[in-house]
């Protein structure tokens, strides 16, 4: 039993440097830089027409009858071509609702995580622009 306990303790101590290295690499990956703009792709599900929107931060462009505003676009510092995520506000000016249809972060690699729920339009982030 002592041999098993000693082996367990040894394994824990030997794994500590690996865990420390993993924590450093996770913190490095979590650093993000803001970009001045983003490329978004919108799809009109009725007509099948896809449209790319090149937005600067703070800019609003139409997607059909919707208005899309880019609040920020961020990307990993160590991998500028990597996974972009953008803060978007989507409104329908023809609607009586005062709340936006969508307001939040959308991730390029996983658009379904926080998606625009609309019967006619889909919207997703392609990349940040510099």
N, C-alpha and C. Protein backbone atom coordinates (compact mmCIF):
# COMPACT_ATOMS: atom_id res chain seq x y z
N UNK A 1 0.81 -1.18 0.00
CA UNK A 1 0.00 0.00 0.00
C UNK A 1 0.87 1.26 0.00
N UNK A 2 1.99 1.18 0.74
CA UNK A 2 2.89 2.32 0.76
C UNK A 2 3.50 2.57 -0.62
N UNK A 3 3.78 1.52 -1.33
CA UNK A 3 4.36 1.67 -2.67
C UNK A 3 3.37 2.37 -3.60
N UNK A 4 2.09 2.01 -3.48
CA UNK A 4 1.07 2.66 -4.30
C UNK A 4 0.93 4.13 -3.95
N UNK A 5 0.97 4.46 -2.65
CA UNK A 5 0.87 5.86 -2.22
C UNK A 5 2.09 6.65 -2.69
N UNK A 6 3.27 6.05 -2.58
CA UNK A 6 4.50 6.72 -3.03
C UNK A 6 4.44 6.98 -4.53
N UNK A 7 3.94 6.03 -5.27
CA UNK A 7 3.82 6.21 -6.71
C UNK A 7 2.85 7.34 -7.05
N UNK A 8 1.76 7.41 -6.30
CA UNK A 8 0.78 8.47 -6.52
C UNK A 8 1.38 9.84 -6.23
N UNK A 9 2.11 9.96 -5.11
CA UNK A 9 2.75 11.23 -4.75
C UNK A 9 3.78 11.61 -5.80
N UNK A 10 4.56 10.67 -6.26
CA UNK A 10 5.57 10.94 -7.28
C UNK A 10 4.90 11.42 -8.57
N UNK A 11 3.81 10.79 -8.95
CA UNK A 11 3.11 11.19 -10.17
C UNK A 11 2.57 12.60 -10.07
N UNK A 12 2.05 12.97 -8.89
CA UNK A 12 1.53 14.33 -8.68
C UNK A 12 2.65 15.35 -8.81
N UNK A 13 3.79 15.08 -8.16
CA UNK A 13 4.91 16.03 -8.23
C UNK A 13 5.50 16.12 -9.61
N UNK A 14 5.56 15.02 -10.33
CA UNK A 14 6.09 15.05 -11.69
C UNK A 14 5.14 15.77 -12.64
N UNK A 15 3.86 15.74 -12.37
CA UNK A 15 2.88 16.39 -13.24
C UNK A 15 2.78 17.89 -13.01
N UNK A 16 3.28 18.38 -11.89
CA UNK A 16 3.16 19.82 -11.57
C UNK A 16 3.79 20.71 -12.62
N UNK A 17 5.02 20.46 -13.09
CA UNK A 17 5.57 21.35 -14.13
C UNK A 17 4.73 21.35 -15.40
N UNK A 18 4.18 20.21 -15.76
CA UNK A 18 3.33 20.14 -16.95
C UNK A 18 2.08 20.99 -16.75
N UNK A 19 1.48 20.92 -15.58
CA UNK A 19 0.28 21.72 -15.29
C UNK A 19 0.62 23.21 -15.33
N UNK A 20 1.78 23.58 -14.80
CA UNK A 20 2.19 24.99 -14.83
C UNK A 20 2.40 25.46 -16.26
N UNK A 21 3.01 24.63 -17.10
CA UNK A 21 3.20 24.99 -18.50
C UNK A 21 1.86 25.15 -19.20
N UNK A 22 0.93 24.25 -18.90
CA UNK A 22 -0.39 24.31 -19.53
C UNK A 22 -1.10 25.60 -19.12
N UNK A 23 -0.97 26.01 -17.86
CA UNK A 23 -1.62 27.23 -17.40
C UNK A 23 -1.03 28.44 -18.10
N UNK A 24 0.29 28.46 -18.31
CA UNK A 24 0.91 29.59 -19.01
C UNK A 24 0.42 29.66 -20.45
N UNK A 25 0.36 28.53 -21.13
CA UNK A 25 -0.06 28.57 -22.52
C UNK A 25 -1.53 28.97 -22.64
N UNK A 26 -2.39 28.59 -21.66
CA UNK A 26 -3.78 29.01 -21.69
C UNK A 26 -3.90 30.51 -21.49
N UNK A 27 -3.08 31.09 -20.60
CA UNK A 27 -3.16 32.53 -20.39
C UNK A 27 -2.64 33.28 -21.60
N UNK A 28 -1.63 32.73 -22.27
CA UNK A 28 -1.14 33.38 -23.48
C UNK A 28 -2.21 33.36 -24.56
N UNK A 29 -2.93 32.24 -24.68
CA UNK A 29 -3.96 32.14 -25.70
C UNK A 29 -5.14 33.05 -25.40
N UNK A 30 -5.35 33.36 -24.14
CA UNK A 30 -6.52 34.15 -23.79
C UNK A 30 -6.32 35.64 -24.07
N UNK A 31 -5.09 36.06 -24.37
CA UNK A 31 -4.85 37.46 -24.70
C UNK A 31 -5.43 37.75 -26.08
N UNK A 32 -6.21 38.81 -26.16
CA UNK A 32 -6.83 39.18 -27.42
C UNK A 32 -6.56 40.64 -27.73
N UNK A 33 -6.46 40.94 -29.01
CA UNK A 33 -6.27 42.30 -29.47
C UNK A 33 -7.53 42.74 -30.21
N UNK A 34 -7.82 44.02 -30.11
CA UNK A 34 -8.98 44.57 -30.83
C UNK A 34 -8.55 44.99 -32.23
N UNK A 35 -9.41 44.72 -33.17
CA UNK A 35 -9.18 45.11 -34.56
C UNK A 35 -10.08 46.29 -34.90
N UNK A 36 -9.71 47.06 -35.91
CA UNK A 36 -10.54 48.22 -36.28
C UNK A 36 -11.81 47.86 -37.05
N UNK A 37 -11.94 46.60 -37.46
CA UNK A 37 -13.12 46.23 -38.22
C UNK A 37 -13.31 44.74 -38.30
N UNK A 38 -14.35 44.33 -39.03
CA UNK A 38 -14.66 42.91 -39.18
C UNK A 38 -15.36 42.67 -40.51
N UNK A 39 -15.26 41.43 -40.96
CA UNK A 39 -16.02 40.96 -42.11
C UNK A 39 -17.07 40.00 -41.57
N UNK A 40 -18.33 40.29 -41.86
CA UNK A 40 -19.45 39.45 -41.47
C UNK A 40 -20.11 38.92 -42.73
N UNK A 41 -20.78 37.79 -42.62
CA UNK A 41 -21.54 37.26 -43.75
C UNK A 41 -22.98 37.10 -43.33
N UNK A 42 -23.86 37.65 -44.15
CA UNK A 42 -25.28 37.53 -43.90
C UNK A 42 -25.93 36.71 -44.99
N UNK A 43 -26.97 36.01 -44.63
CA UNK A 43 -27.69 35.17 -45.58
C UNK A 43 -29.18 35.47 -45.49
N UNK A 44 -29.77 35.80 -46.63
CA UNK A 44 -31.22 35.91 -46.73
C UNK A 44 -31.73 34.52 -47.04
N UNK A 45 -32.38 33.88 -46.08
CA UNK A 45 -32.80 32.50 -46.23
C UNK A 45 -33.93 32.32 -47.24
N UNK A 46 -34.67 33.37 -47.54
CA UNK A 46 -35.75 33.27 -48.53
C UNK A 46 -35.22 33.31 -49.95
N UNK A 47 -34.29 34.22 -50.22
CA UNK A 47 -33.77 34.35 -51.57
C UNK A 47 -32.50 33.53 -51.80
N UNK A 48 -31.84 33.12 -50.71
CA UNK A 48 -30.60 32.36 -50.84
C UNK A 48 -29.40 33.22 -51.15
N UNK A 49 -29.53 34.53 -51.05
CA UNK A 49 -28.44 35.44 -51.38
C UNK A 49 -27.58 35.69 -50.13
N UNK A 50 -26.28 35.46 -50.29
CA UNK A 50 -25.32 35.74 -49.22
C UNK A 50 -24.67 37.09 -49.50
N UNK A 51 -24.39 37.83 -48.44
CA UNK A 51 -23.83 39.17 -48.57
C UNK A 51 -22.75 39.34 -47.52
N UNK A 52 -21.57 39.81 -47.94
CA UNK A 52 -20.51 40.12 -47.00
C UNK A 52 -20.61 41.58 -46.58
N UNK A 53 -20.47 41.81 -45.28
CA UNK A 53 -20.48 43.16 -44.73
C UNK A 53 -19.10 43.47 -44.19
N UNK A 54 -18.47 44.53 -44.68
CA UNK A 54 -17.19 45.00 -44.16
C UNK A 54 -17.49 46.19 -43.27
N UNK A 55 -17.39 45.97 -41.97
CA UNK A 55 -17.75 47.00 -41.00
C UNK A 55 -16.54 47.48 -40.21
N UNK A 56 -16.51 48.77 -39.94
CA UNK A 56 -15.56 49.33 -38.99
C UNK A 56 -16.24 49.37 -37.63
N UNK A 57 -15.44 49.43 -36.57
CA UNK A 57 -16.02 49.50 -35.23
C UNK A 57 -16.89 50.75 -35.13
N UNK A 58 -18.11 50.57 -34.65
CA UNK A 58 -19.06 51.66 -34.52
C UNK A 58 -19.92 51.89 -35.75
N UNK A 59 -19.61 51.23 -36.84
CA UNK A 59 -20.35 51.41 -38.09
C UNK A 59 -21.59 50.51 -38.13
N UNK A 60 -22.63 51.00 -38.81
CA UNK A 60 -23.86 50.24 -39.00
C UNK A 60 -24.11 50.07 -40.50
N UNK A 61 -24.46 48.84 -40.90
CA UNK A 61 -24.80 48.56 -42.30
C UNK A 61 -26.07 47.73 -42.33
N UNK A 62 -26.80 47.83 -43.44
CA UNK A 62 -28.02 47.03 -43.55
C UNK A 62 -27.73 45.59 -43.98
N UNK A 63 -28.54 44.69 -43.48
CA UNK A 63 -28.62 43.31 -43.95
C UNK A 63 -30.10 43.08 -44.22
N UNK A 64 -30.50 43.30 -45.48
CA UNK A 64 -31.93 43.28 -45.78
C UNK A 64 -32.60 44.41 -45.03
N UNK A 65 -33.61 44.09 -44.25
CA UNK A 65 -34.29 45.12 -43.47
C UNK A 65 -33.69 45.31 -42.08
N UNK A 66 -32.68 44.52 -41.74
CA UNK A 66 -32.03 44.64 -40.43
C UNK A 66 -30.88 45.63 -40.48
N UNK A 67 -30.53 46.17 -39.33
CA UNK A 67 -29.37 47.06 -39.20
C UNK A 67 -28.36 46.37 -38.28
N UNK A 68 -27.14 46.19 -38.78
CA UNK A 68 -26.08 45.49 -38.05
C UNK A 68 -25.02 46.50 -37.65
N UNK A 69 -24.71 46.57 -36.35
CA UNK A 69 -23.69 47.48 -35.83
C UNK A 69 -22.58 46.66 -35.19
N UNK A 70 -21.33 46.99 -35.55
CA UNK A 70 -20.16 46.33 -34.96
C UNK A 70 -19.67 47.14 -33.78
N UNK A 71 -19.64 46.51 -32.61
CA UNK A 71 -19.14 47.17 -31.41
C UNK A 71 -17.65 46.96 -31.21
N UNK A 72 -17.15 45.77 -31.53
CA UNK A 72 -15.74 45.44 -31.36
C UNK A 72 -15.47 44.13 -32.09
N UNK A 73 -14.24 43.93 -32.50
CA UNK A 73 -13.79 42.66 -33.07
C UNK A 73 -12.45 42.34 -32.45
N UNK A 74 -12.32 41.15 -31.89
CA UNK A 74 -11.09 40.73 -31.23
C UNK A 74 -10.60 39.42 -31.81
N UNK A 75 -9.27 39.24 -31.70
CA UNK A 75 -8.62 38.04 -32.21
C UNK A 75 -7.46 37.68 -31.30
N UNK A 76 -7.02 36.41 -31.30
CA UNK A 76 -5.90 36.01 -30.45
C UNK A 76 -4.61 36.73 -30.85
N UNK A 77 -3.88 37.25 -29.86
CA UNK A 77 -2.65 38.00 -30.13
C UNK A 77 -1.61 37.12 -30.81
N UNK A 78 -1.47 35.88 -30.35
CA UNK A 78 -0.46 34.99 -30.91
C UNK A 78 -0.83 34.41 -32.25
N UNK A 79 -2.08 34.58 -32.68
CA UNK A 79 -2.54 34.01 -33.94
C UNK A 79 -3.56 34.95 -34.58
N UNK A 80 -3.09 36.01 -35.24
CA UNK A 80 -4.02 36.99 -35.83
C UNK A 80 -4.99 36.39 -36.84
N UNK A 81 -4.61 35.31 -37.48
CA UNK A 81 -5.51 34.65 -38.44
C UNK A 81 -6.44 33.67 -37.73
N UNK A 82 -6.33 33.60 -36.42
CA UNK A 82 -7.11 32.63 -35.65
C UNK A 82 -8.55 33.07 -35.44
N UNK A 83 -9.12 32.49 -34.44
CA UNK A 83 -10.55 32.62 -34.16
C UNK A 83 -10.94 34.05 -33.77
N UNK A 84 -11.74 34.70 -34.59
CA UNK A 84 -12.22 36.05 -34.31
C UNK A 84 -13.54 35.98 -33.55
N UNK A 85 -13.78 36.99 -32.73
CA UNK A 85 -15.08 37.12 -32.09
C UNK A 85 -15.46 38.59 -32.08
N UNK A 86 -16.72 38.86 -32.40
CA UNK A 86 -17.19 40.23 -32.60
C UNK A 86 -18.41 40.52 -31.72
N UNK A 87 -18.45 41.75 -31.22
CA UNK A 87 -19.61 42.21 -30.46
C UNK A 87 -20.53 42.91 -31.44
N UNK A 88 -21.75 42.38 -31.59
CA UNK A 88 -22.69 42.90 -32.58
C UNK A 88 -24.01 43.30 -31.93
N UNK A 89 -24.63 44.31 -32.55
CA UNK A 89 -25.99 44.70 -32.19
C UNK A 89 -26.79 44.68 -33.49
N UNK A 90 -27.87 43.91 -33.49
CA UNK A 90 -28.72 43.79 -34.68
C UNK A 90 -30.11 44.28 -34.31
N UNK A 91 -30.61 45.23 -35.09
CA UNK A 91 -31.93 45.81 -34.85
C UNK A 91 -32.78 45.70 -36.10
N UNK A 92 -34.08 45.71 -35.87
CA UNK A 92 -35.05 45.77 -36.97
C UNK A 92 -35.77 47.10 -36.83
N UNK A 93 -35.39 48.11 -37.65
CA UNK A 93 -36.00 49.43 -37.51
C UNK A 93 -37.50 49.45 -37.82
N UNK A 94 -38.00 48.45 -38.52
CA UNK A 94 -39.43 48.40 -38.85
C UNK A 94 -40.25 47.76 -37.73
N UNK A 95 -39.58 47.21 -36.75
CA UNK A 95 -40.26 46.56 -35.63
C UNK A 95 -40.62 47.59 -34.57
N UNK A 96 -41.66 47.32 -33.85
CA UNK A 96 -42.06 48.20 -32.75
C UNK A 96 -41.25 47.93 -31.49
N UNK A 97 -40.54 46.83 -31.45
CA UNK A 97 -39.75 46.47 -30.26
C UNK A 97 -38.58 47.43 -30.09
N UNK A 98 -38.32 47.82 -28.86
CA UNK A 98 -37.20 48.72 -28.58
C UNK A 98 -35.91 47.95 -28.33
N UNK A 99 -36.04 46.68 -27.95
CA UNK A 99 -34.87 45.84 -27.69
C UNK A 99 -34.28 45.35 -29.02
N UNK A 100 -32.95 45.22 -29.09
CA UNK A 100 -32.36 44.67 -30.32
C UNK A 100 -32.74 43.20 -30.49
N UNK A 101 -32.71 42.74 -31.73
CA UNK A 101 -32.93 41.32 -32.01
C UNK A 101 -31.78 40.48 -31.49
N UNK A 102 -30.58 41.04 -31.55
CA UNK A 102 -29.38 40.36 -31.08
C UNK A 102 -28.43 41.41 -30.51
N UNK A 103 -27.83 41.09 -29.40
CA UNK A 103 -26.81 41.96 -28.81
C UNK A 103 -25.86 41.06 -28.03
N UNK A 104 -24.62 40.95 -28.50
CA UNK A 104 -23.67 40.10 -27.80
C UNK A 104 -22.49 39.72 -28.68
N UNK A 105 -21.69 38.81 -28.13
CA UNK A 105 -20.49 38.34 -28.82
C UNK A 105 -20.84 37.16 -29.70
N UNK A 106 -20.33 37.18 -30.92
CA UNK A 106 -20.50 36.07 -31.85
C UNK A 106 -19.10 35.58 -32.21
N UNK A 107 -18.90 34.27 -32.17
CA UNK A 107 -17.59 33.67 -32.39
C UNK A 107 -17.53 33.06 -33.79
N UNK A 108 -16.45 33.37 -34.51
CA UNK A 108 -16.33 32.92 -35.90
C UNK A 108 -16.36 31.40 -36.01
N UNK A 109 -15.67 30.71 -35.12
CA UNK A 109 -15.58 29.25 -35.24
C UNK A 109 -16.82 28.53 -34.73
N UNK A 110 -17.68 29.22 -33.99
CA UNK A 110 -18.87 28.58 -33.42
C UNK A 110 -20.05 29.55 -33.44
N UNK A 111 -20.56 29.90 -34.61
CA UNK A 111 -21.63 30.88 -34.68
C UNK A 111 -22.91 30.42 -34.00
N UNK A 112 -23.11 29.12 -33.85
CA UNK A 112 -24.33 28.62 -33.22
C UNK A 112 -24.31 28.79 -31.70
N UNK A 113 -23.14 29.06 -31.12
CA UNK A 113 -23.06 29.26 -29.67
C UNK A 113 -23.90 30.44 -29.21
N UNK A 114 -23.88 31.50 -29.97
CA UNK A 114 -24.65 32.70 -29.66
C UNK A 114 -25.10 33.28 -31.00
N UNK A 115 -26.18 32.76 -31.51
CA UNK A 115 -26.60 33.08 -32.87
C UNK A 115 -27.74 34.09 -32.91
N UNK A 116 -27.84 34.75 -34.05
CA UNK A 116 -28.99 35.60 -34.33
C UNK A 116 -30.17 34.68 -34.63
N UNK A 117 -31.23 34.82 -33.85
CA UNK A 117 -32.43 34.01 -34.06
C UNK A 117 -33.42 34.84 -34.88
N UNK A 118 -33.45 34.61 -36.18
CA UNK A 118 -34.33 35.35 -37.05
C UNK A 118 -34.89 34.41 -38.12
N UNK A 119 -36.17 34.52 -38.45
CA UNK A 119 -36.75 33.58 -39.43
C UNK A 119 -36.23 33.78 -40.85
N UNK A 120 -35.73 34.98 -41.16
CA UNK A 120 -35.32 35.23 -42.54
C UNK A 120 -33.80 35.35 -42.72
N UNK A 121 -33.09 35.90 -41.73
CA UNK A 121 -31.67 36.20 -41.90
C UNK A 121 -30.79 35.40 -40.96
N UNK A 122 -29.65 34.97 -41.48
CA UNK A 122 -28.57 34.40 -40.68
C UNK A 122 -27.39 35.36 -40.78
N UNK A 123 -26.59 35.40 -39.73
CA UNK A 123 -25.43 36.28 -39.70
C UNK A 123 -24.32 35.59 -38.94
N UNK A 124 -23.10 35.65 -39.47
CA UNK A 124 -21.97 35.10 -38.75
C UNK A 124 -20.71 35.88 -39.04
N UNK A 125 -19.74 35.77 -38.13
CA UNK A 125 -18.45 36.46 -38.21
C UNK A 125 -17.51 35.63 -39.08
N UNK A 126 -16.83 36.30 -40.00
CA UNK A 126 -15.82 35.63 -40.83
C UNK A 126 -14.43 35.88 -40.26
N UNK A 127 -14.07 37.16 -40.05
CA UNK A 127 -12.74 37.50 -39.53
C UNK A 127 -12.70 38.96 -39.11
N UNK A 128 -11.69 39.30 -38.35
CA UNK A 128 -11.40 40.69 -38.04
C UNK A 128 -10.54 41.27 -39.15
N UNK A 129 -10.62 42.56 -39.35
CA UNK A 129 -9.80 43.23 -40.36
C UNK A 129 -8.86 44.21 -39.66
N UNK A 130 -7.74 44.46 -40.32
CA UNK A 130 -6.78 45.41 -39.74
C UNK A 130 -6.61 46.61 -40.62
